């Protein structure tokens, strides 16, 4: 979105994100987001609300979204729309990647990491 803003193509990018059949947002909150992230994400969610599917992954709890996005009100509005029809799948436990690595070592398999 920052690149689209800088190149004057923000409107086109938002329209494309709004109309795609499935939007996948992976690892939300893993990197520091720009100041406009909440506004940008809210605009996409408002346009997609009850029109298109979204899959989102994050290891951050919902309570942290205001801090992650830097705007508690926008985070609340995004979550309100997102959770309205969402199926939340919460996974707990150790990293599957670490489990897989440990299993390979026990089995004597070559470690590809």
PDB file of N, CA and C in Angstrom:
ATOM      1  N   UNK A   1       0.826  -1.192   0.000  1.00  0.00           N
ATOM      2  CA  UNK A   1       0.000   0.000   0.000  1.00  0.00           C
ATOM      3  C   UNK A   1       0.873   1.259   0.000  1.00  0.00           C
ATOM      4  N   UNK A   2       1.991   1.201   0.729  1.00  0.00           N
ATOM      5  CA  UNK A   2       2.875   2.365   0.755  1.00  0.00           C
ATOM      6  C   UNK A   2       3.445   2.635  -0.636  1.00  0.00           C
ATOM      7  N   UNK A   3       3.805   1.582  -1.338  1.00  0.00           N
ATOM      8  CA  UNK A   3       4.320   1.737  -2.699  1.00  0.00           C
ATOM      9  C   UNK A   3       3.231   2.284  -3.627  1.00  0.00           C
ATOM     10  N   UNK A   4       2.009   1.780  -3.456  1.00  0.00           N
ATOM     11  CA  UNK A   4       0.896   2.253  -4.278  1.00  0.00           C
ATOM     12  C   UNK A   4       0.621   3.730  -4.016  1.00  0.00           C
ATOM     13  N   UNK A   5       0.714   4.132  -2.768  1.00  0.00           N
ATOM     14  CA  UNK A   5       0.520   5.543  -2.423  1.00  0.00           C
ATOM     15  C   UNK A   5       1.598   6.395  -3.084  1.00  0.00           C
ATOM     16  N   UNK A   6       2.832   5.915  -3.031  1.00  0.00           N
ATOM     17  CA  UNK A   6       3.955   6.665  -3.593  1.00  0.00           C
ATOM     18  C   UNK A   6       3.885   6.767  -5.108  1.00  0.00           C
ATOM     19  N   UNK A   7       3.323   5.752  -5.754  1.00  0.00           N
ATOM     20  CA  UNK A   7       3.256   5.754  -7.225  1.00  0.00           C
ATOM     21  C   UNK A   7       1.919   6.253  -7.765  1.00  0.00           C
ATOM     22  N   UNK A   8       1.023   6.631  -6.857  1.00  0.00           N
ATOM     23  CA  UNK A   8      -0.267   7.146  -7.289  1.00  0.00           C
ATOM     24  C   UNK A   8      -1.246   6.072  -7.746  1.00  0.00           C
ATOM     25  N   UNK A   9      -1.025   4.831  -7.326  1.00  0.00           N
ATOM     26  CA  UNK A   9      -1.899   3.734  -7.747  1.00  0.00           C
ATOM     27  C   UNK A   9      -2.689   3.136  -6.582  1.00  0.00           C
ATOM     28  N   UNK A  10      -2.788   3.860  -5.488  1.00  0.00           N
ATOM     29  CA  UNK A  10      -3.467   3.340  -4.301  1.00  0.00           C
ATOM     30  C   UNK A  10      -4.905   2.933  -4.606  1.00  0.00           C
ATOM     31  N   UNK A  11      -5.632   3.781  -5.297  1.00  0.00           N
ATOM     32  CA  UNK A  11      -7.032   3.491  -5.615  1.00  0.00           C
ATOM     33  C   UNK A  11      -7.161   2.178  -6.388  1.00  0.00           C
ATOM     34  N   UNK A  12      -6.300   1.963  -7.358  1.00  0.00           N
ATOM     35  CA  UNK A  12      -6.338   0.740  -8.154  1.00  0.00           C
ATOM     36  C   UNK A  12      -6.011  -0.492  -7.307  1.00  0.00           C
ATOM     37  N   UNK A  13      -5.027  -0.354  -6.426  1.00  0.00           N
ATOM     38  CA  UNK A  13      -4.656  -1.477  -5.558  1.00  0.00           C
ATOM     39  C   UNK A  13      -5.797  -1.822  -4.611  1.00  0.00           C
ATOM     40  N   UNK A  14      -6.411  -0.827  -4.003  1.00  0.00           N
ATOM     41  CA  UNK A  14      -7.543  -1.072  -3.099  1.00  0.00           C
ATOM     42  C   UNK A  14      -8.685  -1.738  -3.860  1.00  0.00           C
ATOM     43  N   UNK A  15      -8.978  -1.265  -5.055  1.00  0.00           N
ATOM     44  CA  UNK A  15     -10.049  -1.867  -5.858  1.00  0.00           C
ATOM     45  C   UNK A  15      -9.737  -3.323  -6.197  1.00  0.00           C
ATOM     46  N   UNK A  16      -8.498  -3.616  -6.520  1.00  0.00           N
ATOM     47  CA  UNK A  16      -8.105  -4.997  -6.830  1.00  0.00           C
ATOM     48  C   UNK A  16      -8.222  -5.885  -5.597  1.00  0.00           C
ATOM     49  N   UNK A  17      -7.768  -5.401  -4.443  1.00  0.00           N
ATOM     50  CA  UNK A  17      -7.879  -6.168  -3.204  1.00  0.00           C
ATOM     51  C   UNK A  17      -9.339  -6.374  -2.810  1.00  0.00           C
ATOM     52  N   UNK A  18     -10.174  -5.404  -3.123  1.00  0.00           N
ATOM     53  CA  UNK A  18     -11.585  -5.485  -2.766  1.00  0.00           C
ATOM     54  C   UNK A  18     -12.350  -6.477  -3.624  1.00  0.00           C
ATOM     55  N   UNK A  19     -11.921  -6.680  -4.862  1.00  0.00           N
ATOM     56  CA  UNK A  19     -12.711  -7.525  -5.746  1.00  0.00           C
ATOM     57  C   UNK A  19     -12.157  -8.932  -5.953  1.00  0.00           C
ATOM     58  N   UNK A  20     -10.973  -9.216  -5.476  1.00  0.00           N
ATOM     59  CA  UNK A  20     -10.418 -10.556  -5.643  1.00  0.00           C
ATOM     60  C   UNK A  20     -11.285 -11.574  -4.896  1.00  0.00           C
ATOM     61  N   UNK A  21     -11.380 -12.788  -5.409  1.00  0.00           N
ATOM     62  CA  UNK A  21     -12.240 -13.802  -4.800  1.00  0.00           C
ATOM     63  C   UNK A  21     -11.828 -14.141  -3.370  1.00  0.00           C
ATOM     64  N   UNK A  22     -10.538 -14.275  -3.144  1.00  0.00           N
ATOM     65  CA  UNK A  22     -10.029 -14.637  -1.820  1.00  0.00           C
ATOM     66  C   UNK A  22      -8.809 -13.792  -1.522  1.00  0.00           C
ATOM     67  N   UNK A  23      -8.847 -13.109  -0.400  1.00  0.00           N
ATOM     68  CA  UNK A  23      -7.711 -12.300   0.041  1.00  0.00           C
ATOM     69  C   UNK A  23      -7.048 -13.027   1.200  1.00  0.00           C
ATOM     70  N   UNK A  24      -5.759 -13.271   1.082  1.00  0.00           N
ATOM     71  CA  UNK A  24      -4.992 -13.940   2.126  1.00  0.00           C
ATOM     72  C   UNK A  24      -4.017 -12.946   2.721  1.00  0.00           C
ATOM     73  N   UNK A  25      -4.154 -12.724   4.013  1.00  0.00           N
ATOM     74  CA  UNK A  25      -3.240 -11.844   4.751  1.00  0.00           C
ATOM     75  C   UNK A  25      -2.494 -12.744   5.722  1.00  0.00           C
ATOM     76  N   UNK A  26      -1.207 -12.891   5.493  1.00  0.00           N
ATOM     77  CA  UNK A  26      -0.427 -13.852   6.260  1.00  0.00           C
ATOM     78  C   UNK A  26       0.481 -13.145   7.259  1.00  0.00           C
ATOM     79  N   UNK A  27       0.509 -13.682   8.478  1.00  0.00           N
ATOM     80  CA  UNK A  27       1.403 -13.213   9.543  1.00  0.00           C
ATOM     81  C   UNK A  27       1.212 -11.745   9.906  1.00  0.00           C
ATOM     82  N   UNK A  28      -0.044 -11.321  10.042  1.00  0.00           N
ATOM     83  CA  UNK A  28      -0.314  -9.938  10.439  1.00  0.00           C
ATOM     84  C   UNK A  28       0.345  -9.661  11.787  1.00  0.00           C
ATOM     85  N   UNK A  29       1.069  -8.582  11.860  1.00  0.00           N
ATOM     86  CA  UNK A  29       1.697  -8.172  13.105  1.00  0.00           C
ATOM     87  C   UNK A  29       3.111  -8.664  13.292  1.00  0.00           C
ATOM     88  N   UNK A  30       3.657  -9.354  12.308  1.00  0.00           N
ATOM     89  CA  UNK A  30       5.027  -9.846  12.435  1.00  0.00           C
ATOM     90  C   UNK A  30       6.053  -8.755  12.147  1.00  0.00           C
ATOM     91  N   UNK A  31       5.671  -7.760  11.380  1.00  0.00           N
ATOM     92  CA  UNK A  31       6.547  -6.634  11.073  1.00  0.00           C
ATOM     93  C   UNK A  31       5.878  -5.348  11.533  1.00  0.00           C
ATOM     94  N   UNK A  32       6.691  -4.356  11.808  1.00  0.00           N
ATOM     95  CA  UNK A  32       6.151  -3.045  12.167  1.00  0.00           C
ATOM     96  C   UNK A  32       5.416  -2.489  10.951  1.00  0.00           C
ATOM     97  N   UNK A  33       4.190  -2.056  11.176  1.00  0.00           N
ATOM     98  CA  UNK A  33       3.355  -1.556  10.083  1.00  0.00           C
ATOM     99  C   UNK A  33       3.471  -0.039   9.970  1.00  0.00           C
ATOM    100  N   UNK A  34       3.284   0.488   8.768  1.00  0.00           N
ATOM    101  CA  UNK A  34       3.331   1.946   8.593  1.00  0.00           C
ATOM    102  C   UNK A  34       2.140   2.622   9.266  1.00  0.00           C
ATOM    103  N   UNK A  35       2.238   3.911   9.434  1.00  0.00           N
ATOM    104  CA  UNK A  35       1.199   4.680  10.131  1.00  0.00           C
ATOM    105  C   UNK A  35      -0.161   4.583   9.450  1.00  0.00           C
ATOM    106  N   UNK A  36      -0.184   4.336   8.154  1.00  0.00           N
ATOM    107  CA  UNK A  36      -1.442   4.281   7.414  1.00  0.00           C
ATOM    108  C   UNK A  36      -2.043   2.876   7.358  1.00  0.00           C
ATOM    109  N   UNK A  37      -1.424   1.905   8.009  1.00  0.00           N
ATOM    110  CA  UNK A  37      -1.869   0.508   7.914  1.00  0.00           C
ATOM    111  C   UNK A  37      -3.320   0.325   8.353  1.00  0.00           C
ATOM    112  N   UNK A  38      -3.709   0.928   9.465  1.00  0.00           N
ATOM    113  CA  UNK A  38      -5.074   0.765   9.957  1.00  0.00           C
ATOM    114  C   UNK A  38      -6.085   1.317   8.957  1.00  0.00           C
ATOM    115  N   UNK A  39      -5.815   2.499   8.439  1.00  0.00           N
ATOM    116  CA  UNK A  39      -6.713   3.126   7.460  1.00  0.00           C
ATOM    117  C   UNK A  39      -6.799   2.281   6.189  1.00  0.00           C
ATOM    118  N   UNK A  40      -5.652   1.807   5.716  1.00  0.00           N
ATOM    119  CA  UNK A  40      -5.625   1.003   4.491  1.00  0.00           C
ATOM    120  C   UNK A  40      -6.378  -0.316   4.677  1.00  0.00           C
ATOM    121  N   UNK A  41      -6.101  -0.995   5.774  1.00  0.00           N
ATOM    122  CA  UNK A  41      -6.749  -2.278   6.026  1.00  0.00           C
ATOM    123  C   UNK A  41      -8.248  -2.102   6.248  1.00  0.00           C
ATOM    124  N   UNK A  42      -8.632  -1.056   6.958  1.00  0.00           N
ATOM    125  CA  UNK A  42     -10.055  -0.796   7.174  1.00  0.00           C
ATOM    126  C   UNK A  42     -10.767  -0.558   5.845  1.00  0.00           C
ATOM    127  N   UNK A  43     -10.164   0.200   4.962  1.00  0.00           N
ATOM    128  CA  UNK A  43     -10.807   0.455   3.673  1.00  0.00           C
ATOM    129  C   UNK A  43     -11.032  -0.843   2.898  1.00  0.00           C
ATOM    130  N   UNK A  44     -10.047  -1.721   2.912  1.00  0.00           N
ATOM    131  CA  UNK A  44     -10.179  -3.003   2.213  1.00  0.00           C
ATOM    132  C   UNK A  44     -11.273  -3.844   2.867  1.00  0.00           C
ATOM    133  N   UNK A  45     -11.287  -3.906   4.191  1.00  0.00           N
ATOM    134  CA  UNK A  45     -12.293  -4.711   4.892  1.00  0.00           C
ATOM    135  C   UNK A  45     -13.692  -4.158   4.683  1.00  0.00           C
ATOM    136  N   UNK A  46     -13.849  -2.844   4.692  1.00  0.00           N
ATOM    137  CA  UNK A  46     -15.166  -2.241   4.463  1.00  0.00           C
ATOM    138  C   UNK A  46     -15.655  -2.597   3.067  1.00  0.00           C
ATOM    139  N   UNK A  47     -14.791  -2.514   2.087  1.00  0.00           N
ATOM    140  CA  UNK A  47     -15.198  -2.820   0.706  1.00  0.00           C
ATOM    141  C   UNK A  47     -15.485  -4.303   0.494  1.00  0.00           C
ATOM    142  N   UNK A  48     -14.806  -5.170   1.236  1.00  0.00           N
ATOM    143  CA  UNK A  48     -14.984  -6.616   1.062  1.00  0.00           C
ATOM    144  C   UNK A  48     -16.093  -7.165   1.949  1.00  0.00           C
ATOM    145  N   UNK A  49     -16.542  -6.413   2.930  1.00  0.00           N
ATOM    146  CA  UNK A  49     -17.493  -6.914   3.919  1.00  0.00           C
ATOM    147  C   UNK A  49     -18.711  -7.540   3.259  1.00  0.00           C
ATOM    148  N   UNK A  50     -18.947  -8.803   3.568  1.00  0.00           N
ATOM    149  CA  UNK A  50     -20.041  -9.625   3.053  1.00  0.00           C
ATOM    150  C   UNK A  50     -20.021  -9.758   1.528  1.00  0.00           C
ATOM    151  N   UNK A  51     -18.870  -9.532   0.913  1.00  0.00           N
ATOM    152  CA  UNK A  51     -18.744  -9.666  -0.538  1.00  0.00           C
ATOM    153  C   UNK A  51     -17.625 -10.626  -0.934  1.00  0.00           C
ATOM    154  N   UNK A  52     -16.588 -10.733  -0.122  1.00  0.00           N
ATOM    155  CA  UNK A  52     -15.442 -11.560  -0.485  1.00  0.00           C
ATOM    156  C   UNK A  52     -14.817 -12.195   0.733  1.00  0.00           C
ATOM    157  N   UNK A  53     -14.193 -13.329   0.531  1.00  0.00           N
ATOM    158  CA  UNK A  53     -13.582 -14.086   1.626  1.00  0.00           C
ATOM    159  C   UNK A  53     -12.187 -13.577   1.954  1.00  0.00           C
ATOM    160  N   UNK A  54     -11.854 -13.680   3.241  1.00  0.00           N
ATOM    161  CA  UNK A  54     -10.530 -13.299   3.714  1.00  0.00           C
ATOM    162  C   UNK A  54     -10.027 -14.413   4.632  1.00  0.00           C
ATOM    163  N   UNK A  55      -8.808 -14.825   4.406  1.00  0.00           N
ATOM    164  CA  UNK A  55      -8.115 -15.714   5.332  1.00  0.00           C
ATOM    165  C   UNK A  55      -6.976 -14.896   5.927  1.00  0.00           C
ATOM    166  N   UNK A  56      -6.875 -14.926   7.237  1.00  0.00           N
ATOM    167  CA  UNK A  56      -5.823 -14.167   7.892  1.00  0.00           C
ATOM    168  C   UNK A  56      -5.119 -15.048   8.905  1.00  0.00           C
ATOM    169  N   UNK A  57      -3.803 -14.982   8.915  1.00  0.00           N
ATOM    170  CA  UNK A  57      -3.035 -15.684   9.930  1.00  0.00           C
ATOM    171  C   UNK A  57      -2.266 -14.663  10.748  1.00  0.00           C
ATOM    172  N   UNK A  58      -2.136 -14.954  12.019  1.00  0.00           N
ATOM    173  CA  UNK A  58      -1.368 -14.099  12.922  1.00  0.00           C
ATOM    174  C   UNK A  58      -1.046 -14.899  14.173  1.00  0.00           C
ATOM    175  N   UNK A  59       0.038 -14.558  14.802  1.00  0.00           N
ATOM    176  CA  UNK A  59       0.329 -15.173  16.093  1.00  0.00           C
ATOM    177  C   UNK A  59       0.086 -14.166  17.220  1.00  0.00           C
ATOM    178  N   UNK A  60      -0.581 -13.083  16.882  1.00  0.00           N
ATOM    179  CA  UNK A  60      -0.878 -12.041  17.866  1.00  0.00           C
ATOM    180  C   UNK A  60      -2.338 -12.135  18.288  1.00  0.00           C
ATOM    181  N   UNK A  61      -2.618 -11.981  19.587  1.00  0.00           N
ATOM    182  CA  UNK A  61      -4.011 -12.044  20.049  1.00  0.00           C
ATOM    183  C   UNK A  61      -4.811 -10.840  19.569  1.00  0.00           C
ATOM    184  N   UNK A  62      -6.120 -11.029  19.456  1.00  0.00           N
ATOM    185  CA  UNK A  62      -6.997  -9.958  18.986  1.00  0.00           C
ATOM    186  C   UNK A  62      -6.853  -8.699  19.836  1.00  0.00           C
ATOM    187  N   UNK A  63      -6.587  -8.871  21.110  1.00  0.00           N
ATOM    188  CA  UNK A  63      -6.456  -7.724  22.019  1.00  0.00           C
ATOM    189  C   UNK A  63      -5.295  -6.808  21.622  1.00  0.00           C
ATOM    190  N   UNK A  64      -4.328  -7.327  20.874  1.00  0.00           N
ATOM    191  CA  UNK A  64      -3.156  -6.537  20.478  1.00  0.00           C
ATOM    192  C   UNK A  64      -3.350  -5.771  19.174  1.00  0.00           C
ATOM    193  N   UNK A  65      -4.458  -5.995  18.472  1.00  0.00           N
ATOM    194  CA  UNK A  65      -4.612  -5.407  17.146  1.00  0.00           C
ATOM    195  C   UNK A  65      -4.602  -3.882  17.160  1.00  0.00           C
ATOM    196  N   UNK A  66      -5.152  -3.263  18.168  1.00  0.00           N
ATOM    197  CA  UNK A  66      -5.111  -1.802  18.258  1.00  0.00           C
ATOM    198  C   UNK A  66      -3.683  -1.308  18.301  1.00  0.00           C
ATOM    199  N   UNK A  67      -2.854  -1.989  19.063  1.00  0.00           N
ATOM    200  CA  UNK A  67      -1.433  -1.629  19.159  1.00  0.00           C
ATOM    201  C   UNK A  67      -0.707  -1.951  17.849  1.00  0.00           C
ATOM    202  N   UNK A  68      -0.984  -3.100  17.272  1.00  0.00           N
ATOM    203  CA  UNK A  68      -0.333  -3.503  16.022  1.00  0.00           C
ATOM    204  C   UNK A  68      -0.621  -2.503  14.917  1.00  0.00           C
ATOM    205  N   UNK A  69      -1.889  -2.107  14.801  1.00  0.00           N
ATOM    206  CA  UNK A  69      -2.304  -1.198  13.731  1.00  0.00           C
ATOM    207  C   UNK A  69      -2.118   0.274  14.092  1.00  0.00           C
ATOM    208  N   UNK A  70      -1.888   0.547  15.356  1.00  0.00           N
ATOM    209  CA  UNK A  70      -1.687   1.930  15.776  1.00  0.00           C
ATOM    210  C   UNK A  70      -2.959   2.749  15.829  1.00  0.00           C
ATOM    211  N   UNK A  71      -4.116   2.078  15.828  1.00  0.00           N
ATOM    212  CA  UNK A  71      -5.398   2.776  15.843  1.00  0.00           C
ATOM    213  C   UNK A  71      -6.450   1.822  16.405  1.00  0.00           C
ATOM    214  N   UNK A  72      -6.797   2.008  17.665  1.00  0.00           N
ATOM    215  CA  UNK A  72      -7.716   1.107  18.344  1.00  0.00           C
ATOM    216  C   UNK A  72      -9.113   1.135  17.722  1.00  0.00           C
ATOM    217  N   UNK A  73      -9.590   2.312  17.350  1.00  0.00           N
ATOM    218  CA  UNK A  73     -10.931   2.417  16.752  1.00  0.00           C
ATOM    219  C   UNK A  73     -10.987   1.678  15.419  1.00  0.00           C
ATOM    220  N   UNK A  74      -9.985   1.872  14.572  1.00  0.00           N
ATOM    221  CA  UNK A  74      -9.955   1.191  13.275  1.00  0.00           C
ATOM    222  C   UNK A  74      -9.819  -0.316  13.473  1.00  0.00           C
ATOM    223  N   UNK A  75      -8.994  -0.732  14.427  1.00  0.00           N
ATOM    224  CA  UNK A  75      -8.830  -2.161  14.701  1.00  0.00           C
ATOM    225  C   UNK A  75     -10.160  -2.768  15.134  1.00  0.00           C
ATOM    226  N   UNK A  76     -10.904  -2.054  15.953  1.00  0.00           N
ATOM    227  CA  UNK A  76     -12.222  -2.534  16.378  1.00  0.00           C
ATOM    228  C   UNK A  76     -13.179  -2.675  15.209  1.00  0.00           C
ATOM    229  N   UNK A  77     -13.170  -1.705  14.310  1.00  0.00           N
ATOM    230  CA  UNK A  77     -14.052  -1.754  13.139  1.00  0.00           C
ATOM    231  C   UNK A  77     -13.659  -2.894  12.194  1.00  0.00           C
ATOM    232  N   UNK A  78     -12.370  -3.109  12.026  1.00  0.00           N
ATOM    233  CA  UNK A  78     -11.889  -4.212  11.188  1.00  0.00           C
ATOM    234  C   UNK A  78     -12.314  -5.540  11.794  1.00  0.00           C
ATOM    235  N   UNK A  79     -12.054  -5.715  13.082  1.00  0.00           N
ATOM    236  CA  UNK A  79     -12.403  -6.971  13.746  1.00  0.00           C
ATOM    237  C   UNK A  79     -13.906  -7.208  13.757  1.00  0.00           C
ATOM    238  N   UNK A  80     -14.691  -6.153  13.912  1.00  0.00           N
ATOM    239  CA  UNK A  80     -16.143  -6.294  13.885  1.00  0.00           C
ATOM    240  C   UNK A  80     -16.601  -6.899  12.568  1.00  0.00           C
ATOM    241  N   UNK A  81     -16.077  -6.411  11.473  1.00  0.00           N
ATOM    242  CA  UNK A  81     -16.443  -6.931  10.157  1.00  0.00           C
ATOM    243  C   UNK A  81     -15.855  -8.320   9.923  1.00  0.00           C
ATOM    244  N   UNK A  82     -14.610  -8.486  10.292  1.00  0.00           N
ATOM    245  CA  UNK A  82     -13.924  -9.749  10.045  1.00  0.00           C
ATOM    246  C   UNK A  82     -14.534 -10.892  10.854  1.00  0.00           C
ATOM    247  N   UNK A  83     -14.798 -10.665  12.118  1.00  0.00           N
ATOM    248  CA  UNK A  83     -15.278 -11.736  12.995  1.00  0.00           C
ATOM    249  C   UNK A  83     -16.766 -12.027  12.837  1.00  0.00           C
ATOM    250  N   UNK A  84     -17.505 -11.156  12.162  1.00  0.00           N
ATOM    251  CA  UNK A  84     -18.942 -11.337  11.995  1.00  0.00           C
ATOM    252  C   UNK A  84     -19.269 -12.702  11.388  1.00  0.00           C
ATOM    253  N   UNK A  85     -18.544 -13.106  10.371  1.00  0.00           N
ATOM    254  CA  UNK A  85     -18.788 -14.388   9.714  1.00  0.00           C
ATOM    255  C   UNK A  85     -17.582 -15.325   9.802  1.00  0.00           C
ATOM    256  N   UNK A  86     -16.642 -15.017  10.680  1.00  0.00           N
ATOM    257  CA  UNK A  86     -15.373 -15.754  10.715  1.00  0.00           C
ATOM    258  C   UNK A  86     -15.481 -17.094  11.422  1.00  0.00           C
ATOM    259  N   UNK A  87     -14.632 -17.966  11.005  1.00  0.00           N
ATOM    260  CA  UNK A  87     -14.384 -19.217  11.715  1.00  0.00           C
ATOM    261  C   UNK A  87     -12.964 -19.076  12.250  1.00  0.00           C
ATOM    262  N   UNK A  88     -12.841 -18.909  13.561  1.00  0.00           N
ATOM    263  CA  UNK A  88     -11.533 -18.707  14.178  1.00  0.00           C
ATOM    264  C   UNK A  88     -10.966 -20.063  14.572  1.00  0.00           C
ATOM    265  N   UNK A  89      -9.777 -20.326  14.107  1.00  0.00           N
ATOM    266  CA  UNK A  89      -9.086 -21.570  14.447  1.00  0.00           C
ATOM    267  C   UNK A  89      -7.844 -21.182  15.224  1.00  0.00           C
ATOM    268  N   UNK A  90      -7.826 -21.543  16.491  1.00  0.00           N
ATOM    269  CA  UNK A  90      -6.696 -21.189  17.338  1.00  0.00           C
ATOM    270  C   UNK A  90      -5.821 -22.428  17.523  1.00  0.00           C
ATOM    271  N   UNK A  91      -4.571 -22.267  17.197  1.00  0.00           N
ATOM    272  CA  UNK A  91      -3.613 -23.359  17.315  1.00  0.00           C
ATOM    273  C   UNK A  91      -2.686 -23.039  18.479  1.00  0.00           C
ATOM    274  N   UNK A  92      -2.523 -24.000  19.361  1.00  0.00           N
ATOM    275  CA  UNK A  92      -1.625 -23.800  20.497  1.00  0.00           C
ATOM    276  C   UNK A  92      -0.537 -24.869  20.458  1.00  0.00           C
ATOM    277  N   UNK A  93       0.494 -24.617  21.163  1.00  0.00           N
ATOM    278  CA  UNK A  93       1.584 -25.587  21.232  1.00  0.00           C
ATOM    279  C   UNK A  93       2.839 -25.056  20.586  1.00  0.00           C
ATOM    280  N   UNK A  94       3.806 -25.944  20.503  1.00  0.00           N
ATOM    281  CA  UNK A  94       5.101 -25.574  19.949  1.00  0.00           C
ATOM    282  C   UNK A  94       5.025 -25.471  18.432  1.00  0.00           C
ATOM    283  N   UNK A  95       5.976 -24.788  17.863  1.00  0.00           N
ATOM    284  CA  UNK A  95       6.070 -24.611  16.427  1.00  0.00           C
ATOM    285  C   UNK A  95       6.150 -25.963  15.724  1.00  0.00           C
ATOM    286  N   UNK A  96       5.339 -26.118  14.690  1.00  0.00           N
ATOM    287  CA  UNK A  96       5.380 -27.354  13.917  1.00  0.00           C
ATOM    288  C   UNK A  96       6.720 -27.492  13.194  1.00  0.00           C
ATOM    289  N   UNK A  97       7.320 -26.389  12.805  1.00  0.00           N
ATOM    290  CA  UNK A  97       8.623 -26.448  12.138  1.00  0.00           C
ATOM    291  C   UNK A  97       9.672 -27.051  13.061  1.00  0.00           C
ATOM    292  N   UNK A  98       9.656 -26.658  14.328  1.00  0.00           N
ATOM    293  CA  UNK A  98      10.617 -27.214  15.278  1.00  0.00           C
ATOM    294  C   UNK A  98      10.324 -28.681  15.537  1.00  0.00           C
ATOM    295  N   UNK A  99       9.043 -29.042  15.587  1.00  0.00           N
ATOM    296  CA  UNK A  99       8.654 -30.441  15.774  1.00  0.00           C
ATOM    297  C   UNK A  99       9.162 -31.281  14.603  1.00  0.00           C
ATOM    298  N   UNK A 100       8.971 -30.792  13.401  1.00  0.00           N
ATOM    299  CA  UNK A 100       9.403 -31.493  12.199  1.00  0.00           C
ATOM    300  C   UNK A 100      10.918 -31.661  12.181  1.00  0.00           C
ATOM    301  N   UNK A 101      11.620 -30.629  12.580  1.00  0.00           N
ATOM    302  CA  UNK A 101      13.089 -30.686  12.614  1.00  0.00           C
ATOM    303  C   UNK A 101      13.551 -31.721  13.628  1.00  0.00           C
ATOM    304  N   UNK A 102      12.957 -31.718  14.801  1.00  0.00           N
ATOM    305  CA  UNK A 102      13.336 -32.688  15.830  1.00  0.00           C
ATOM    306  C   UNK A 102      13.054 -34.110  15.360  1.00  0.00           C
ATOM    307  N   UNK A 103      11.934 -34.309  14.686  1.00  0.00           N
ATOM    308  CA  UNK A 103      11.576 -35.638  14.179  1.00  0.00           C
ATOM    309  C   UNK A 103      12.593 -36.114  13.154  1.00  0.00           C
ATOM    310  N   UNK A 104      13.017 -35.232  12.269  1.00  0.00           N
ATOM    311  CA  UNK A 104      14.021 -35.617  11.267  1.00  0.00           C
ATOM    312  C   UNK A 104      15.319 -36.032  11.931  1.00  0.00           C
ATOM    313  N   UNK A 105      15.707 -35.330  12.986  1.00  0.00           N
ATOM    314  CA  UNK A 105      16.952 -35.667  13.689  1.00  0.00           C
ATOM    315  C   UNK A 105      16.835 -37.023  14.370  1.00  0.00           C
ATOM    316  N   UNK A 106      15.685 -37.299  14.963  1.00  0.00           N
ATOM    317  CA  UNK A 106      15.473 -38.587  15.619  1.00  0.00           C
ATOM    318  C   UNK A 106      15.469 -39.714  14.597  1.00  0.00           C
ATOM    319  N   UNK A 107      14.842 -39.482  13.449  1.00  0.00           N
ATOM    320  CA  UNK A 107      14.763 -40.481  12.396  1.00  0.00           C
ATOM    321  C   UNK A 107      16.066 -40.643  11.623  1.00  0.00           C
ATOM    322  N   UNK A 108      16.985 -39.732  11.846  1.00  0.00           N
ATOM    323  CA  UNK A 108      18.250 -39.779  11.133  1.00  0.00           C
ATOM    324  C   UNK A 108      18.183 -39.191   9.734  1.00  0.00           C
ATOM    325  N   UNK A 109      17.074 -38.493   9.449  1.00  0.00           N
ATOM    326  CA  UNK A 109      16.918 -37.872   8.131  1.00  0.00           C
ATOM    327  C   UNK A 109      17.830 -36.681   8.022  1.00  0.00           C
ATOM    328  N   UNK A 110      18.145 -36.332   6.795  1.00  0.00           N
ATOM    329  CA  UNK A 110      18.979 -35.164   6.552  1.00  0.00           C
ATOM    330  C   UNK A 110      18.227 -33.902   6.949  1.00  0.00           C
ATOM    331  N   UNK A 111      18.878 -33.022   7.682  1.00  0.00           N
ATOM    332  CA  UNK A 111      18.284 -31.757   8.107  1.00  0.00           C
ATOM    333  C   UNK A 111      18.433 -30.749   6.970  1.00  0.00           C
ATOM    334  N   UNK A 112      17.309 -30.306   6.441  1.00  0.00           N
ATOM    335  CA  UNK A 112      17.311 -29.362   5.315  1.00  0.00           C
ATOM    336  C   UNK A 112      17.325 -27.918   5.759  1.00  0.00           C
ATOM    337  N   UNK A 113      17.245 -27.645   7.068  1.00  0.00           N
ATOM    338  CA  UNK A 113      17.202 -26.262   7.563  1.00  0.00           C
ATOM    339  C   UNK A 113      18.546 -25.606   7.555  1.00  0.00           C
TER     340      UNK A 113
END
